[in-house]
Amino acid sequence: MFRTSLAIEITVALFFTAPFAMAGPSHRYTVAPGSEVSARVAFFGIASKTARFPKVSGSVTLTPGRPEAIDLDITIDAAALTAGDPTTLRRLKGPAFFDIARHPTVTFRGETMTTTGPRNAAVRGQLTARGVTRPTVLNVTFAADPAQLTGGEPIALSGRAVIDRRVFGMTAYSGIVGRKVTITLDAWMQPA
């Protein structure tokens, strides 16, 4: 009886500590030049407009065996945004949308990651735009399985989130510009 009880206790202890024992060292990466964020929104309900943010910085720390332990920080230079025409660009940079004079950056801080496939994950975090912070889920696809990372190789990832621009105080032109915005991140991450 004692041996059976001891064996059960050891099995339970190993079960609960195994994920931590299997976790390897953390790997930190920084966003490389050439990474980009874009934001696409419906326009008049029949077309769309896209703004591009070519200046992106930040880092991610991944721990093989512990995907939930992500630490992701992305900073987008809103002042560097580009758009299809000068009028749209002026409006996007102005007080009705990004208000870059007061809020020159947009940030995303990923707090937890749940794997949804071998190369896919949902990163839950906080998006801040115009000084307003809201919970956001960034659905990420890695070019390679992040569980196989050794920390010495660069990684590519793409992410997608859909937000309601109104919750960030971007309420102008509601009859013309859609409220849902699709944000896409294409990032090349290099070992830090």
C-alpha atoms as a PDB file:
ATOM      1  CA  MET A   1       0.000   0.000   0.000  1.00  0.00           C
ATOM      2  CA  PHE A   2       2.807   2.394   0.946  1.00  0.00           C
ATOM      3  CA  ARG A   3       4.671   1.685  -2.319  1.00  0.00           C
ATOM      4  CA  THR A   4       1.516   2.246  -4.380  1.00  0.00           C
ATOM      5  CA  SER A   5       0.826   5.540  -2.601  1.00  0.00           C
ATOM      6  CA  LEU A   6       4.437   6.676  -3.052  1.00  0.00           C
ATOM      7  CA  ALA A   7       4.369   5.711  -6.740  1.00  0.00           C
ATOM      8  CA  ILE A   8       1.163   7.704  -7.258  1.00  0.00           C
ATOM      9  CA  GLU A   9       2.649  10.751  -5.488  1.00  0.00           C
ATOM     10  CA  ILE A  10       5.808  10.596  -7.620  1.00  0.00           C
ATOM     11  CA  THR A  11       3.757  10.190 -10.816  1.00  0.00           C
ATOM     12  CA  VAL A  12       1.568  13.177  -9.920  1.00  0.00           C
ATOM     13  CA  ALA A  13       4.626  15.282  -9.049  1.00  0.00           C
ATOM     14  CA  LEU A  14       6.321  14.395 -12.339  1.00  0.00           C
ATOM     15  CA  PHE A  15       3.140  15.109 -14.298  1.00  0.00           C
ATOM     16  CA  PHE A  16       2.856  18.622 -12.918  1.00  0.00           C
ATOM     17  CA  THR A  17       6.550  19.490 -13.158  1.00  0.00           C
ATOM     18  CA  ALA A  18       7.303  17.895 -16.560  1.00  0.00           C
ATOM     19  CA  PRO A  19       6.244  20.909 -18.656  1.00  0.00           C
ATOM     20  CA  PHE A  20       8.648  23.109 -16.713  1.00  0.00           C
ATOM     21  CA  ALA A  21      11.473  20.598 -16.944  1.00  0.00           C
ATOM     22  CA  MET A  22      10.982  20.292 -20.712  1.00  0.00           C
ATOM     23  CA  ALA A  23      11.036  24.031 -21.215  1.00  0.00           C
ATOM     24  CA  GLY A  24      14.318  25.136 -22.700  1.00  0.00           C
ATOM     25  CA  PRO A  25      16.071  28.463 -22.304  1.00  0.00           C
ATOM     26  CA  SER A  26      14.247  31.563 -23.478  1.00  0.00           C
ATOM     27  CA  HIS A  27      15.187  33.052 -26.838  1.00  0.00           C
ATOM     28  CA  ARG A  28      14.957  36.801 -27.448  1.00  0.00           C
ATOM     29  CA  TYR A  29      14.513  38.312 -30.896  1.00  0.00           C
ATOM     30  CA  THR A  30      14.266  41.886 -32.169  1.00  0.00           C
ATOM     31  CA  VAL A  31      12.228  43.191 -35.070  1.00  0.00           C
ATOM     32  CA  ALA A  32      14.434  43.534 -38.148  1.00  0.00           C
ATOM     33  CA  PRO A  33      14.261  46.321 -40.747  1.00  0.00           C
ATOM     34  CA  GLY A  34      11.789  45.562 -43.499  1.00  0.00           C
ATOM     35  CA  SER A  35       9.062  44.481 -41.087  1.00  0.00           C
ATOM     36  CA  GLU A  36       5.750  46.222 -41.683  1.00  0.00           C
ATOM     37  CA  VAL A  37       2.264  46.718 -40.300  1.00  0.00           C
ATOM     38  CA  SER A  38      -0.740  47.547 -42.446  1.00  0.00           C
ATOM     39  CA  ALA A  39      -4.306  48.518 -41.592  1.00  0.00           C
ATOM     40  CA  ARG A  40      -7.167  47.900 -44.034  1.00  0.00           C
ATOM     41  CA  VAL A  41     -10.670  49.289 -43.651  1.00  0.00           C
ATOM     42  CA  ALA A  42     -13.815  49.204 -45.779  1.00  0.00           C
ATOM     43  CA  PHE A  43     -14.493  52.377 -47.750  1.00  0.00           C
ATOM     44  CA  PHE A  44     -18.066  53.169 -48.859  1.00  0.00           C
ATOM     45  CA  GLY A  45     -18.851  49.503 -48.190  1.00  0.00           C
ATOM     46  CA  ILE A  46     -17.631  48.418 -51.644  1.00  0.00           C
ATOM     47  CA  ALA A  47     -13.892  49.067 -51.604  1.00  0.00           C
ATOM     48  CA  SER A  48     -11.126  49.327 -49.036  1.00  0.00           C
ATOM     49  CA  LYS A  49      -8.275  51.623 -48.119  1.00  0.00           C
ATOM     50  CA  THR A  50      -4.965  50.524 -46.678  1.00  0.00           C
ATOM     51  CA  ALA A  51      -2.482  52.452 -44.567  1.00  0.00           C
ATOM     52  CA  ARG A  52       1.043  51.098 -44.194  1.00  0.00           C
ATOM     53  CA  PHE A  53       3.383  51.546 -41.263  1.00  0.00           C
ATOM     54  CA  PRO A  54       6.920  50.817 -42.503  1.00  0.00           C
ATOM     55  CA  LYS A  55       8.691  51.695 -39.239  1.00  0.00           C
ATOM     56  CA  VAL A  56       8.181  48.923 -36.710  1.00  0.00           C
ATOM     57  CA  SER A  57      10.400  48.083 -33.750  1.00  0.00           C
ATOM     58  CA  GLY A  58      10.215  45.743 -30.815  1.00  0.00           C
ATOM     59  CA  SER A  59      11.121  42.347 -29.487  1.00  0.00           C
ATOM     60  CA  VAL A  60       9.755  38.931 -28.636  1.00  0.00           C
ATOM     61  CA  THR A  61      10.949  36.406 -26.081  1.00  0.00           C
ATOM     62  CA  LEU A  62       9.914  32.787 -26.650  1.00  0.00           C
ATOM     63  CA  THR A  63      10.515  29.807 -24.390  1.00  0.00           C
ATOM     64  CA  PRO A  64      10.428  26.425 -26.156  1.00  0.00           C
ATOM     65  CA  GLY A  65       8.087  24.108 -24.277  1.00  0.00           C
ATOM     66  CA  ARG A  66       6.253  27.054 -22.696  1.00  0.00           C
ATOM     67  CA  PRO A  67       4.459  28.933 -25.473  1.00  0.00           C
ATOM     68  CA  GLU A  68       2.241  30.709 -22.957  1.00  0.00           C
ATOM     69  CA  ALA A  69       5.325  32.503 -21.604  1.00  0.00           C
ATOM     70  CA  ILE A  70       5.589  34.906 -24.551  1.00  0.00           C
ATOM     71  CA  ASP A  71       6.794  38.449 -24.052  1.00  0.00           C
ATOM     72  CA  LEU A  72       6.006  40.480 -27.172  1.00  0.00           C
ATOM     73  CA  ASP A  73       6.478  44.236 -27.518  1.00  0.00           C
ATOM     74  CA  ILE A  74       5.775  45.931 -30.840  1.00  0.00           C
ATOM     75  CA  THR A  75       6.015  49.696 -31.394  1.00  0.00           C
ATOM     76  CA  ILE A  76       4.670  51.215 -34.593  1.00  0.00           C
ATOM     77  CA  ASP A  77       5.777  54.682 -35.697  1.00  0.00           C
ATOM     78  CA  ALA A  78       2.398  56.209 -36.596  1.00  0.00           C
ATOM     79  CA  ALA A  79       4.073  59.374 -37.888  1.00  0.00           C
ATOM     80  CA  ALA A  80       5.735  57.305 -40.641  1.00  0.00           C
ATOM     81  CA  LEU A  81       2.458  55.893 -41.965  1.00  0.00           C
ATOM     82  CA  THR A  82       1.787  56.012 -45.690  1.00  0.00           C
ATOM     83  CA  ALA A  83      -1.533  55.988 -47.534  1.00  0.00           C
ATOM     84  CA  GLY A  84      -2.752  55.947 -51.116  1.00  0.00           C
ATOM     85  CA  ASP A  85      -3.293  59.692 -51.490  1.00  0.00           C
ATOM     86  CA  PRO A  86      -2.361  62.951 -49.723  1.00  0.00           C
ATOM     87  CA  THR A  87      -5.902  63.660 -48.452  1.00  0.00           C
ATOM     88  CA  THR A  88      -6.230  60.247 -46.803  1.00  0.00           C
ATOM     89  CA  LEU A  89      -2.725  60.567 -45.356  1.00  0.00           C
ATOM     90  CA  ARG A  90      -3.491  63.991 -43.854  1.00  0.00           C
ATOM     91  CA  ARG A  91      -6.743  62.720 -42.315  1.00  0.00           C
ATOM     92  CA  LEU A  92      -5.141  59.584 -40.878  1.00  0.00           C
ATOM     93  CA  LYS A  93      -2.326  61.565 -39.250  1.00  0.00           C
ATOM     94  CA  GLY A  94      -4.740  64.231 -37.973  1.00  0.00           C
ATOM     95  CA  PRO A  95      -6.832  64.475 -34.797  1.00  0.00           C
ATOM     96  CA  ALA A  96      -9.779  62.483 -36.214  1.00  0.00           C
ATOM     97  CA  PHE A  97      -7.730  59.280 -36.464  1.00  0.00           C
ATOM     98  CA  PHE A  98      -4.184  58.645 -35.174  1.00  0.00           C
ATOM     99  CA  ASP A  99      -3.588  62.206 -33.918  1.00  0.00           C
ATOM    100  CA  ILE A 100       0.162  61.782 -34.374  1.00  0.00           C
ATOM    101  CA  ALA A 101       0.929  65.207 -32.896  1.00  0.00           C
ATOM    102  CA  ARG A 102      -0.201  63.853 -29.504  1.00  0.00           C
ATOM    103  CA  HIS A 103       0.214  60.091 -30.039  1.00  0.00           C
ATOM    104  CA  PRO A 104       3.135  59.381 -32.401  1.00  0.00           C
ATOM    105  CA  THR A 105       3.225  55.624 -31.726  1.00  0.00           C
ATOM    106  CA  VAL A 106       0.915  52.625 -31.582  1.00  0.00           C
ATOM    107  CA  THR A 107       1.956  49.708 -29.368  1.00  0.00           C
ATOM    108  CA  PHE A 108       1.015  46.080 -28.879  1.00  0.00           C
ATOM    109  CA  ARG A 109       2.113  44.195 -25.780  1.00  0.00           C
ATOM    110  CA  GLY A 110       1.559  40.448 -26.068  1.00  0.00           C
ATOM    111  CA  GLU A 111       1.019  38.855 -22.670  1.00  0.00           C
ATOM    112  CA  THR A 112       0.039  35.227 -23.304  1.00  0.00           C
ATOM    113  CA  MET A 113       0.156  32.882 -26.264  1.00  0.00           C
ATOM    114  CA  THR A 114      -1.996  29.837 -26.925  1.00  0.00           C
ATOM    115  CA  THR A 115      -0.889  27.501 -29.691  1.00  0.00           C
ATOM    116  CA  THR A 116      -3.607  26.702 -32.222  1.00  0.00           C
ATOM    117  CA  GLY A 117      -1.465  24.561 -34.535  1.00  0.00           C
ATOM    118  CA  PRO A 118       2.184  23.573 -35.114  1.00  0.00           C
ATOM    119  CA  ARG A 119       3.005  27.043 -36.480  1.00  0.00           C
ATOM    120  CA  ASN A 120      -0.077  28.998 -35.377  1.00  0.00           C
ATOM    121  CA  ALA A 121      -0.946  30.779 -32.161  1.00  0.00           C
ATOM    122  CA  ALA A 122      -3.249  33.358 -30.627  1.00  0.00           C
ATOM    123  CA  VAL A 123      -1.367  36.093 -28.780  1.00  0.00           C
ATOM    124  CA  ARG A 124      -3.529  37.944 -26.281  1.00  0.00           C
ATOM    125  CA  GLY A 125      -2.376  41.358 -25.257  1.00  0.00           C
ATOM    126  CA  GLN A 126      -3.020  45.083 -25.107  1.00  0.00           C
ATOM    127  CA  LEU A 127      -3.165  47.409 -28.110  1.00  0.00           C
ATOM    128  CA  THR A 128      -2.666  51.125 -27.471  1.00  0.00           C
ATOM    129  CA  ALA A 129      -3.608  53.730 -30.091  1.00  0.00           C
ATOM    130  CA  ARG A 130      -4.434  57.403 -29.511  1.00  0.00           C
ATOM    131  CA  GLY A 131      -3.678  56.879 -25.827  1.00  0.00           C
ATOM    132  CA  VAL A 132      -6.457  54.270 -25.502  1.00  0.00           C
ATOM    133  CA  THR A 133      -5.560  50.707 -24.487  1.00  0.00           C
ATOM    134  CA  ARG A 134      -7.828  47.755 -25.248  1.00  0.00           C
ATOM    135  CA  PRO A 135      -7.425  43.956 -25.124  1.00  0.00           C
ATOM    136  CA  THR A 136      -6.644  42.528 -28.553  1.00  0.00           C
ATOM    137  CA  VAL A 137      -5.929  39.082 -29.959  1.00  0.00           C
ATOM    138  CA  LEU A 138      -3.226  38.820 -32.617  1.00  0.00           C
ATOM    139  CA  ASN A 139      -3.495  35.557 -34.577  1.00  0.00           C
ATOM    140  CA  VAL A 140       0.062  34.629 -35.512  1.00  0.00           C
ATOM    141  CA  THR A 141       1.578  32.243 -38.047  1.00  0.00           C
ATOM    142  CA  PHE A 142       5.269  31.416 -37.683  1.00  0.00           C
ATOM    143  CA  ALA A 143       7.282  30.433 -40.770  1.00  0.00           C
ATOM    144  CA  ALA A 144       8.733  27.539 -38.735  1.00  0.00           C
ATOM    145  CA  ASP A 145       7.585  25.655 -35.646  1.00  0.00           C
ATOM    146  CA  PRO A 146       8.522  27.906 -32.683  1.00  0.00           C
ATOM    147  CA  ALA A 147       8.903  24.837 -30.447  1.00  0.00           C
ATOM    148  CA  GLN A 148      11.952  23.847 -32.518  1.00  0.00           C
ATOM    149  CA  LEU A 149      13.810  27.150 -32.108  1.00  0.00           C
ATOM    150  CA  THR A 150      17.391  27.067 -30.891  1.00  0.00           C
ATOM    151  CA  GLY A 151      17.738  30.832 -30.494  1.00  0.00           C
ATOM    152  CA  GLY A 152      20.374  31.270 -33.181  1.00  0.00           C
ATOM    153  CA  GLU A 153      18.177  31.463 -36.246  1.00  0.00           C
ATOM    154  CA  PRO A 154      16.028  34.368 -37.448  1.00  0.00           C
ATOM    155  CA  ILE A 155      12.286  33.782 -37.533  1.00  0.00           C
ATOM    156  CA  ALA A 156       9.539  35.179 -39.713  1.00  0.00           C
ATOM    157  CA  LEU A 157       6.000  35.620 -38.533  1.00  0.00           C
ATOM    158  CA  SER A 158       2.791  37.183 -39.712  1.00  0.00           C
ATOM    159  CA  GLY A 159      -0.063  38.287 -37.513  1.00  0.00           C
ATOM    160  CA  ARG A 160      -3.615  39.466 -38.007  1.00  0.00           C
ATOM    161  CA  ALA A 161      -6.069  41.211 -35.710  1.00  0.00           C
ATOM    162  CA  VAL A 162      -9.457  42.785 -36.335  1.00  0.00           C
ATOM    163  CA  ILE A 163     -10.382  45.767 -34.186  1.00  0.00           C
ATOM    164  CA  ASP A 164     -13.230  48.259 -33.940  1.00  0.00           C
ATOM    165  CA  ARG A 165     -11.668  51.669 -34.566  1.00  0.00           C
ATOM    166  CA  ARG A 166     -14.392  53.402 -32.536  1.00  0.00           C
ATOM    167  CA  VAL A 167     -13.144  51.936 -29.234  1.00  0.00           C
ATOM    168  CA  PHE A 168      -9.876  53.808 -29.843  1.00  0.00           C
ATOM    169  CA  GLY A 169     -11.699  57.116 -30.363  1.00  0.00           C
ATOM    170  CA  MET A 170     -11.468  57.016 -34.171  1.00  0.00           C
ATOM    171  CA  THR A 171     -15.117  57.765 -34.895  1.00  0.00           C
ATOM    172  CA  ALA A 172     -14.910  60.189 -37.844  1.00  0.00           C
ATOM    173  CA  TYR A 173     -16.518  59.481 -41.228  1.00  0.00           C
ATOM    174  CA  SER A 174     -18.695  56.667 -39.880  1.00  0.00           C
ATOM    175  CA  GLY A 175     -20.919  56.639 -42.982  1.00  0.00           C
ATOM    176  CA  ILE A 176     -17.948  56.349 -45.324  1.00  0.00           C
ATOM    177  CA  VAL A 177     -15.240  54.444 -43.461  1.00  0.00           C
ATOM    178  CA  GLY A 178     -15.990  51.035 -41.935  1.00  0.00           C
ATOM    179  CA  ARG A 179     -15.649  50.519 -38.219  1.00  0.00           C
ATOM    180  CA  LYS A 180     -13.748  47.185 -38.419  1.00  0.00           C
ATOM    181  CA  VAL A 181     -10.049  47.469 -39.211  1.00  0.00           C
ATOM    182  CA  THR A 182      -7.896  44.491 -40.196  1.00  0.00           C
ATOM    183  CA  ILE A 183      -4.367  44.922 -38.885  1.00  0.00           C
ATOM    184  CA  THR A 184      -1.627  42.786 -40.436  1.00  0.00           C
ATOM    185  CA  LEU A 185       1.906  42.401 -39.085  1.00  0.00           C
ATOM    186  CA  ASP A 186       4.664  40.954 -41.274  1.00  0.00           C
ATOM    187  CA  ALA A 187       7.805  40.694 -39.177  1.00  0.00           C
ATOM    188  CA  TRP A 188      11.281  39.317 -39.592  1.00  0.00           C
ATOM    189  CA  MET A 189      12.820  38.709 -36.170  1.00  0.00           C
ATOM    190  CA  GLN A 190      16.557  38.359 -35.618  1.00  0.00           C
ATOM    191  CA  PRO A 191      18.291  36.914 -32.545  1.00  0.00           C
ATOM    192  CA  ALA A 192      19.048  39.634 -29.998  1.00  0.00           C
END
